[in-house]
């Protein structure tokens, strides 16, 4: 299928033949909270990276995918961007790597063109050049979403290293998200330094909800913050099942299973950050080889209220309605409920009022899809050659860089073996006989 390019131009003098996107009018990126926390002026490459990521995210939201056909051939798009930056030659040299990263994240075809920015229109420029000495000597930088993983991961870091502060980086796209994240962070006290970047699109502009560039946006914010703080490490608190995110169904292709914090995404982003830093830069996934339940069991009980306040629902913040309850049946809600049950830490969800029961008949399709995936994993792991069987069932696992080594393949098999074991008890609680699920699951899927 030959599709035409959709062109978005972020320059102030964009030709009328292109779709011009105006900073502040169409998309607003507020760098003042981050600057007030760390520095009045962001490093040049950091400011460029954050504005570029915002431009990419904006284009992703403005161009709807055409998924009306049964085979979802319209999932992919062709997006051409003209972006003003402070260092156009530097970004032109990285254009191919950026295109590969964005194509991996979105399954779209991207064409990126960089132009010299006008300082008067750049959203992250500030004429006042002075620093705030607020960055502690012993501090690390970590992404914070307000989800259960990022909350538990933050608690683990604070508990493990009592002398290290954490700069928590969050991109705020709506008021409900802002309110909940702030409420959670208050549980952690003065060792946590809130580094936020508010971002908003003008009302009525958004046409696409899949948001496959969110991973690039959030990690760009983390890298930009780390560079501004003079740090060369960014931590991402995602469990291994969520990070690798194998497709639930065979019909899912490419980025239809999100790759926001996939290990390959992390490696590609790490290489970009290293080139911008002029030296080494690491993006760490400290809980890559843990299930969500195992992560919860590492987390100190002293922050239990913070875990209870976290939001894991895919639709939780999207409603933009204060007090809206989590759905209880999206894949993120299911994974949260499964991990809370498997860890035995039922108090984490004792106050949650999910809108949907999981044991209602018929079972939600998201739950049936999860159980079908578990059945397929279990069959592969029970094979006489589990790695070959697992690879045959889930060839996407080869995208995990660690599988290049025998130790990485063993880690993958252990991770998914543990995940299956955790699901067995959950299935019994739901009244599902997993030994028969091969036939039932095939029909459900």
Protein backbone atom coordinates (compact mmCIF):
# COMPACT_ATOMS: atom_id res chain seq x y z
CA UNK A 1 0.00 0.00 0.00
CA UNK A 2 1.57 3.29 -1.14
CA UNK A 3 0.81 6.04 1.35
CA UNK A 4 1.64 9.69 1.01
CA UNK A 5 3.75 11.54 3.54
CA UNK A 6 2.12 13.68 6.21
CA UNK A 7 4.38 16.66 6.87
CA UNK A 8 4.52 18.59 10.14
CA UNK A 9 6.59 21.75 10.30
CA UNK A 10 7.54 23.22 13.69
CA UNK A 11 9.39 26.25 12.31
CA UNK A 12 7.91 29.67 12.93
CA UNK A 13 7.98 30.43 9.20
CA UNK A 14 6.64 27.12 7.91
CA UNK A 15 5.53 27.13 4.24
CA UNK A 16 1.76 27.24 3.86
CA UNK A 17 1.78 23.98 1.90
CA UNK A 18 2.73 22.12 5.08
CA UNK A 19 0.87 21.51 8.31
CA UNK A 20 2.41 24.07 10.61
CA UNK A 21 2.55 23.31 14.32
CA UNK A 22 3.07 26.35 16.53
CA UNK A 23 4.79 26.17 19.88
CA UNK A 24 2.56 27.49 22.68
CA UNK A 25 -0.53 27.73 20.46
CA UNK A 26 -0.73 24.06 19.39
CA UNK A 27 1.70 22.39 21.80
CA UNK A 28 3.02 23.80 25.04
CA UNK A 29 6.19 22.49 26.68
CA UNK A 30 6.88 24.19 30.00
CA UNK A 31 10.51 23.91 31.03
CA UNK A 32 10.28 26.28 34.01
CA UNK A 33 9.69 23.63 36.71
CA UNK A 34 12.76 21.67 35.59
CA UNK A 35 14.87 24.81 35.20
CA UNK A 36 13.84 26.04 38.64
CA UNK A 37 14.86 22.69 40.12
CA UNK A 38 18.21 22.28 38.35
CA UNK A 39 19.41 25.15 36.16
CA UNK A 40 18.11 28.25 34.46
CA UNK A 41 19.61 27.11 31.17
CA UNK A 42 19.49 23.52 29.96
CA UNK A 43 22.54 22.16 28.14
CA UNK A 44 22.10 22.78 24.43
CA UNK A 45 21.84 19.11 23.43
CA UNK A 46 19.42 18.42 26.31
CA UNK A 47 17.09 21.25 25.29
CA UNK A 48 17.19 20.08 21.67
CA UNK A 49 16.44 16.49 22.66
CA UNK A 50 13.43 17.47 24.76
CA UNK A 51 11.97 19.73 22.07
CA UNK A 52 12.60 17.10 19.39
CA UNK A 53 10.86 14.43 21.49
CA UNK A 54 7.92 16.78 22.00
CA UNK A 55 7.69 17.41 18.26
CA UNK A 56 7.74 13.66 17.55
CA UNK A 57 5.09 13.01 20.21
CA UNK A 58 2.92 15.83 18.84
CA UNK A 59 3.06 14.49 15.27
CA UNK A 60 2.22 11.02 16.59
CA UNK A 61 -0.88 12.42 18.30
CA UNK A 62 -2.01 14.60 15.39
CA UNK A 63 -2.00 11.92 12.68
CA UNK A 64 -4.59 9.19 13.19
CA UNK A 65 -3.85 5.62 12.21
CA UNK A 66 -6.22 4.03 9.72
CA UNK A 67 -7.07 0.73 11.39
CA UNK A 68 -10.55 0.19 9.98
CA UNK A 69 -9.47 -2.72 7.75
CA UNK A 70 -9.59 -6.20 9.23
CA UNK A 71 -5.84 -6.75 8.84
CA UNK A 72 -4.86 -3.35 10.29
CA UNK A 73 -2.75 -2.51 7.26
CA UNK A 74 -3.33 1.13 8.09
CA UNK A 75 -1.50 0.84 11.42
CA UNK A 76 1.65 2.27 9.86
CA UNK A 77 1.98 5.88 8.70
CA UNK A 78 4.54 8.03 6.87
CA UNK A 79 5.49 11.07 8.95
CA UNK A 80 7.86 13.83 7.84
CA UNK A 81 8.97 16.41 10.42
CA UNK A 82 10.78 19.73 10.07
CA UNK A 83 12.15 20.58 13.50
CA UNK A 84 14.12 23.66 14.60
CA UNK A 85 17.11 22.81 16.83
CA UNK A 86 20.13 24.64 18.20
CA UNK A 87 22.62 22.13 16.78
CA UNK A 88 21.27 21.09 13.36
CA UNK A 89 24.53 19.52 12.19
CA UNK A 90 24.68 17.32 15.28
CA UNK A 91 21.11 16.10 14.81
CA UNK A 92 21.54 15.53 11.08
CA UNK A 93 24.40 13.20 11.97
CA UNK A 94 22.03 11.23 14.21
CA UNK A 95 19.01 11.32 11.89
CA UNK A 96 19.36 7.72 10.69
CA UNK A 97 19.66 6.38 14.26
CA UNK A 98 16.63 8.42 15.34
CA UNK A 99 14.59 7.12 12.41
CA UNK A 100 15.49 3.53 13.32
CA UNK A 101 14.50 4.13 16.95
CA UNK A 102 11.18 5.77 16.06
CA UNK A 103 10.35 3.14 13.45
CA UNK A 104 11.02 0.41 16.03
CA UNK A 105 8.73 2.13 18.55
CA UNK A 106 5.87 2.95 16.20
CA UNK A 107 6.09 0.84 12.99
CA UNK A 108 5.85 4.13 11.11
CA UNK A 109 8.15 5.51 8.42
CA UNK A 110 9.80 8.71 9.62
CA UNK A 111 11.70 11.44 7.79
CA UNK A 112 13.42 14.00 10.02
CA UNK A 113 14.77 17.36 8.85
CA UNK A 114 16.58 19.75 11.18
CA UNK A 115 16.82 23.53 10.88
CA UNK A 116 18.51 26.28 12.88
CA UNK A 117 16.21 27.39 15.65
CA UNK A 118 15.09 30.95 16.36
CA UNK A 119 15.99 31.54 20.05
CA UNK A 120 12.96 33.80 20.41
CA UNK A 121 10.58 30.92 19.68
CA UNK A 122 12.36 27.95 21.34
CA UNK A 123 10.20 26.81 24.28
CA UNK A 124 13.11 25.78 26.51
CA UNK A 125 15.28 28.88 26.13
CA UNK A 126 15.68 31.25 29.06
CA UNK A 127 17.76 34.45 28.85
CA UNK A 128 18.79 34.29 32.52
CA UNK A 129 21.98 32.28 32.86
CA UNK A 130 22.57 31.20 36.44
CA UNK A 131 22.58 27.91 38.29
CA UNK A 132 20.80 26.68 41.37
CA UNK A 133 23.04 24.49 43.60
CA UNK A 134 20.17 22.12 44.34
CA UNK A 135 21.51 18.86 42.93
CA UNK A 136 22.82 16.71 45.79
CA UNK A 137 26.30 15.28 45.37
CA UNK A 138 24.90 11.78 45.84
CA UNK A 139 21.89 11.65 43.56
CA UNK A 140 20.56 9.42 40.83
CA UNK A 141 18.01 10.20 38.12
CA UNK A 142 14.96 7.99 37.55
CA UNK A 143 11.76 8.09 35.54
CA UNK A 144 8.58 8.30 37.59
CA UNK A 145 5.12 7.67 36.14
CA UNK A 146 2.97 7.15 39.22
CA UNK A 147 2.48 3.49 38.36
CA UNK A 148 3.09 0.61 40.74
CA UNK A 149 6.46 -0.33 39.22
CA UNK A 150 7.94 3.17 39.37
CA UNK A 151 6.63 3.65 42.93
CA UNK A 152 7.99 0.32 44.18
CA UNK A 153 11.28 0.78 42.29
CA UNK A 154 11.78 4.21 43.82
CA UNK A 155 11.14 2.77 47.29
CA UNK A 156 13.67 -0.02 46.69
CA UNK A 157 16.36 2.47 45.67
CA UNK A 158 15.77 4.72 48.67
CA UNK A 159 15.80 1.74 51.02
CA UNK A 160 18.85 0.07 49.47
CA UNK A 161 21.04 3.18 49.48
CA UNK A 162 20.12 5.46 52.41
CA UNK A 163 22.60 8.21 51.44
CA UNK A 164 21.49 8.69 47.82
CA UNK A 165 18.76 11.12 46.79
CA UNK A 166 16.65 10.56 43.68
CA UNK A 167 15.72 13.09 41.01
CA UNK A 168 12.34 11.79 39.79
CA UNK A 169 11.58 12.79 36.21
CA UNK A 170 7.99 12.97 35.06
CA UNK A 171 6.30 14.32 31.94
CA UNK A 172 2.90 15.68 32.95
CA UNK A 173 0.21 15.61 30.27
CA UNK A 174 -2.92 16.17 32.34
CA UNK A 175 -4.02 17.49 35.70
CA UNK A 176 -5.20 14.21 37.17
CA UNK A 177 -1.83 12.63 36.50
CA UNK A 178 -0.12 15.62 38.11
CA UNK A 179 -2.24 15.40 41.25
CA UNK A 180 -1.74 11.68 41.76
CA UNK A 181 2.01 11.73 41.12
CA UNK A 182 2.51 14.58 43.60
CA UNK A 183 0.45 12.73 46.22
CA UNK A 184 2.61 9.61 45.81
CA UNK A 185 5.91 11.49 45.92
CA UNK A 186 4.94 13.15 49.21
CA UNK A 187 5.26 9.73 50.88
CA UNK A 188 9.00 9.67 50.14
CA UNK A 189 10.11 12.85 51.89
CA UNK A 190 13.00 15.21 51.22
CA UNK A 191 15.32 12.70 49.55
CA UNK A 192 13.16 12.82 46.40
CA UNK A 193 13.50 15.87 44.16
CA UNK A 194 10.61 16.37 41.75
CA UNK A 195 11.73 17.21 38.18
CA UNK A 196 8.63 17.69 36.07
CA UNK A 197 8.03 18.79 32.50
CA UNK A 198 4.40 19.82 31.82
CA UNK A 199 3.33 19.15 28.23
CA UNK A 200 -0.05 19.80 26.65
CA UNK A 201 -1.68 19.82 23.23
CA UNK A 202 -4.33 22.34 22.34
CA UNK A 203 -7.86 21.10 22.94
CA UNK A 204 -9.31 19.16 20.03
CA UNK A 205 -6.02 18.57 18.20
CA UNK A 206 -5.35 14.99 19.27
CA UNK A 207 -6.49 12.43 16.70
CA UNK A 208 -4.56 9.28 17.71
CA UNK A 209 -4.61 7.53 21.07
CA UNK A 210 -2.01 4.74 20.64
CA UNK A 211 0.84 7.11 21.59
CA UNK A 212 3.68 4.76 20.69
CA UNK A 213 6.17 7.64 20.97
CA UNK A 214 5.54 8.09 24.70
CA UNK A 215 8.51 5.88 25.47
CA UNK A 216 10.80 8.15 23.45
CA UNK A 217 9.29 11.26 25.06
CA UNK A 218 9.68 9.99 28.62
CA UNK A 219 13.19 8.64 28.15
CA UNK A 220 14.22 11.84 26.39
CA UNK A 221 12.99 13.76 29.43
CA UNK A 222 15.04 11.47 31.67
CA UNK A 223 18.18 11.85 29.57
CA UNK A 224 17.75 15.63 29.30
CA UNK A 225 17.33 15.90 33.07
CA UNK A 226 20.36 13.71 33.75
CA UNK A 227 22.53 15.77 31.38
CA UNK A 228 21.31 18.97 33.04
CA UNK A 229 22.13 17.58 36.49
CA UNK A 230 25.58 16.44 35.36
CA UNK A 231 24.71 12.75 35.72
CA UNK A 232 25.42 9.93 33.28
CA UNK A 233 22.92 7.29 34.47
CA UNK A 234 19.13 7.09 34.13
CA UNK A 235 17.16 4.42 35.99
CA UNK A 236 13.86 3.00 34.71
CA UNK A 237 11.79 1.01 37.21
CA UNK A 238 9.93 -1.49 35.01
CA UNK A 239 9.52 -5.19 35.69
CA UNK A 240 10.76 -7.66 33.09
CA UNK A 241 7.35 -8.89 31.92
CA UNK A 242 6.20 -5.34 31.27
CA UNK A 243 9.47 -4.25 29.68
CA UNK A 244 9.80 -7.16 27.24
CA UNK A 245 6.01 -7.18 26.70
CA UNK A 246 5.62 -10.25 24.50
CA UNK A 247 2.42 -10.14 22.43
CA UNK A 248 -0.62 -11.67 24.09
CA UNK A 249 -1.96 -13.02 20.79
CA UNK A 250 -0.33 -14.26 17.60
CA UNK A 251 -2.31 -11.62 15.70
CA UNK A 252 -0.40 -8.78 17.39
CA UNK A 253 2.37 -7.51 15.16
CA UNK A 254 5.27 -5.16 15.74
CA UNK A 255 4.58 -2.20 17.98
CA UNK A 256 0.95 -3.20 18.52
CA UNK A 257 2.54 -4.61 21.69
CA UNK A 258 4.08 -1.43 23.06
CA UNK A 259 7.88 -1.17 23.23
CA UNK A 260 8.14 1.93 25.43
CA UNK A 261 10.78 0.52 27.82
CA UNK A 262 11.78 -2.59 25.89
CA UNK A 263 15.46 -3.52 26.45
CA UNK A 264 16.15 -2.81 22.77
CA UNK A 265 14.55 0.63 23.09
CA UNK A 266 16.73 1.26 26.14
CA UNK A 267 19.89 0.23 24.28
CA UNK A 268 19.08 2.47 21.28
CA UNK A 269 18.30 5.41 23.55
CA UNK A 270 21.45 4.75 25.57
CA UNK A 271 23.59 5.00 22.44
CA UNK A 272 21.96 8.31 21.50
CA UNK A 273 22.49 9.70 25.01
CA UNK A 274 26.13 8.59 24.97
CA UNK A 275 26.76 10.49 21.74
CA UNK A 276 25.09 13.62 23.15
CA UNK A 277 27.01 13.36 26.42
CA UNK A 278 30.38 13.13 24.75
CA UNK A 279 31.16 10.17 27.00
CA UNK A 280 29.50 7.21 28.64
CA UNK A 281 25.80 7.17 29.51
CA UNK A 282 23.81 4.25 30.92
CA UNK A 283 20.09 3.61 31.08
CA UNK A 284 19.49 0.94 33.69
CA UNK A 285 16.57 -1.47 34.02
CA UNK A 286 17.36 -2.74 37.54
CA UNK A 287 14.30 -5.01 37.67
CA UNK A 288 14.47 -6.45 34.15
CA UNK A 289 14.83 -10.02 35.45
CA UNK A 290 12.04 -9.74 38.03
CA UNK A 291 8.32 -10.21 37.65
CA UNK A 292 6.07 -7.49 38.99
CA UNK A 293 5.29 -9.67 42.04
CA UNK A 294 9.01 -10.15 42.71
CA UNK A 295 9.53 -6.40 42.49
CA UNK A 296 6.78 -5.87 45.06
CA UNK A 297 8.39 -8.37 47.39
CA UNK A 298 11.65 -6.38 47.24
CA UNK A 299 9.88 -3.13 48.12
CA UNK A 300 9.96 -2.01 51.79
CA UNK A 301 6.66 -2.18 53.64
CA UNK A 302 7.21 1.30 55.07
CA UNK A 303 5.98 2.83 51.79
CA UNK A 304 2.81 0.71 51.52
CA UNK A 305 0.57 3.80 51.31
CA UNK A 306 2.51 5.02 48.29
CA UNK A 307 2.00 1.67 46.52
CA UNK A 308 -1.72 1.78 47.29
CA UNK A 309 -1.98 5.28 45.78
CA UNK A 310 -0.25 4.30 42.53
CA UNK A 311 -2.25 4.00 39.29
CA UNK A 312 -1.62 1.15 36.84
CA UNK A 313 -4.71 1.40 34.62
CA UNK A 314 -4.16 2.09 30.90
CA UNK A 315 -7.28 4.25 31.05
CA UNK A 316 -6.68 5.59 34.55
CA UNK A 317 -5.25 8.99 33.67
CA UNK A 318 -6.76 9.17 30.19
CA UNK A 319 -10.23 9.94 31.56
CA UNK A 320 -8.91 13.25 32.94
CA UNK A 321 -11.66 12.95 35.56
CA UNK A 322 -10.64 13.24 39.19
CA UNK A 323 -11.83 10.25 41.17
CA UNK A 324 -12.42 8.02 38.14
CA UNK A 325 -11.88 4.43 39.18
CA UNK A 326 -9.41 2.10 37.43
CA UNK A 327 -11.14 -0.22 34.97
CA UNK A 328 -9.75 -3.45 36.45
CA UNK A 329 -9.70 -5.31 33.14
CA UNK A 330 -7.13 -3.65 30.84
CA UNK A 331 -3.84 -5.50 30.51
CA UNK A 332 -2.09 -3.17 32.98
CA UNK A 333 -4.83 -3.61 35.59
CA UNK A 334 -4.73 -7.38 35.12
CA UNK A 335 -0.95 -7.51 35.54
CA UNK A 336 -1.22 -5.36 38.68
CA UNK A 337 -3.96 -7.53 40.18
CA UNK A 338 -2.07 -10.71 39.33
CA UNK A 339 1.14 -9.39 40.92
CA UNK A 340 -0.60 -8.22 44.09
CA UNK A 341 -2.24 -11.64 44.44
CA UNK A 342 0.99 -13.54 43.67
CA UNK A 343 3.02 -11.48 46.14
CA UNK A 344 0.44 -11.93 48.89
CA UNK A 345 0.46 -8.16 49.50
CA UNK A 346 -3.30 -7.86 49.17
CA UNK A 347 -3.35 -4.68 51.27
CA UNK A 348 -1.90 -2.76 48.31
CA UNK A 349 -5.21 -3.07 46.48
CA UNK A 350 -7.54 -3.25 49.48
CA UNK A 351 -8.74 0.29 48.78
CA UNK A 352 -8.96 -0.05 45.00
CA UNK A 353 -12.49 0.05 43.62
CA UNK A 354 -12.14 -1.52 40.19
CA UNK A 355 -15.02 -0.94 37.81
CA UNK A 356 -15.01 -4.54 36.55
CA UNK A 357 -14.63 -7.92 38.25
CA UNK A 358 -12.21 -10.39 36.73
CA UNK A 359 -14.25 -13.45 37.64
CA UNK A 360 -17.44 -12.25 35.96
CA UNK A 361 -18.83 -14.52 33.23
CA UNK A 362 -17.84 -14.38 30.48
CA UNK A 363 -14.24 -13.60 31.34
CA UNK A 364 -13.02 -10.29 29.87
CA UNK A 365 -11.22 -10.80 26.58
CA UNK A 366 -8.06 -9.16 27.99
CA UNK A 367 -7.98 -11.81 30.72
CA UNK A 368 -8.64 -14.61 28.23
CA UNK A 369 -5.80 -13.30 26.07
CA UNK A 370 -3.47 -13.22 29.10
CA UNK A 371 -4.38 -16.79 30.03
CA UNK A 372 -3.87 -17.92 26.45
CA UNK A 373 -0.40 -16.39 26.51
CA UNK A 374 0.36 -18.18 29.79
CA UNK A 375 -0.75 -21.49 28.29
CA UNK A 376 1.56 -21.01 25.32
CA UNK A 377 4.47 -20.07 27.58
CA UNK A 378 3.89 -23.10 29.82
CA UNK A 379 3.78 -25.51 26.87
CA UNK A 380 7.05 -24.08 25.55
CA UNK A 381 8.79 -24.26 28.92
CA UNK A 382 7.67 -27.87 29.41
CA UNK A 383 9.28 -28.88 26.11
CA UNK A 384 12.46 -31.01 26.12
CA UNK A 385 14.20 -28.04 24.46
CA UNK A 386 12.52 -25.09 26.19
CA UNK A 387 14.51 -22.31 24.54
CA UNK A 388 13.83 -23.55 21.01
CA UNK A 389 10.15 -24.07 21.82
CA UNK A 390 9.90 -20.63 23.44
CA UNK A 391 11.62 -19.01 20.48
CA UNK A 392 9.28 -20.77 18.06
CA UNK A 393 6.22 -19.53 19.97
CA UNK A 394 7.57 -16.02 20.66
CA UNK A 395 10.20 -15.10 18.05
CA UNK A 396 9.98 -11.50 19.29
CA UNK A 397 12.13 -12.53 22.27
CA UNK A 398 15.19 -12.26 20.01
CA UNK A 399 14.70 -8.47 20.13
CA UNK A 400 15.94 -8.62 23.73
CA UNK A 401 19.70 -7.93 23.42
CA UNK A 402 20.54 -10.23 26.36
CA UNK A 403 19.42 -13.29 24.37
CA UNK A 404 22.62 -13.02 22.37
CA UNK A 405 24.23 -14.79 25.35
CA UNK A 406 23.44 -18.12 26.97
CA UNK A 407 23.08 -16.44 30.37
CA UNK A 408 20.50 -14.05 28.91
CA UNK A 409 18.47 -16.89 27.43
CA UNK A 410 18.52 -18.66 30.81
CA UNK A 411 17.36 -15.43 32.49
CA UNK A 412 14.43 -15.14 30.07
CA UNK A 413 13.33 -18.72 30.71
CA UNK A 414 13.56 -18.25 34.48
CA UNK A 415 11.58 -14.98 34.31
CA UNK A 416 8.73 -16.50 32.32
CA UNK A 417 8.79 -19.71 34.33
CA UNK A 418 8.27 -17.65 37.48
CA UNK A 419 5.53 -15.66 35.76
CA UNK A 420 3.68 -18.85 34.80
CA UNK A 421 3.96 -20.19 38.34
CA UNK A 422 2.47 -16.97 39.70
CA UNK A 423 -0.44 -17.19 37.28
CA UNK A 424 -1.38 -20.74 38.30
CA UNK A 425 -2.67 -19.62 41.71
CA UNK A 426 -4.43 -16.63 40.16
CA UNK A 427 -6.16 -18.89 37.62
CA UNK A 428 -7.41 -21.18 40.39
CA UNK A 429 -8.76 -18.13 42.22
CA UNK A 430 -10.69 -17.20 39.06
CA UNK A 431 -12.01 -20.74 38.63
CA UNK A 432 -9.99 -21.37 35.47
CA UNK A 433 -8.55 -24.84 34.85
CA UNK A 434 -5.26 -24.13 33.11
CA UNK A 435 -4.82 -27.76 32.08
CA UNK A 436 -7.82 -27.35 29.77
CA UNK A 437 -7.00 -23.83 28.71
CA UNK A 438 -5.28 -24.92 25.51
CA UNK A 439 -8.65 -25.66 23.91
CA UNK A 440 -10.58 -22.94 25.72
CA UNK A 441 -7.89 -20.34 25.12
CA UNK A 442 -7.58 -21.10 21.43
CA UNK A 443 -11.30 -20.54 21.04
CA UNK A 444 -11.13 -17.34 23.12
CA UNK A 445 -8.15 -15.97 21.22
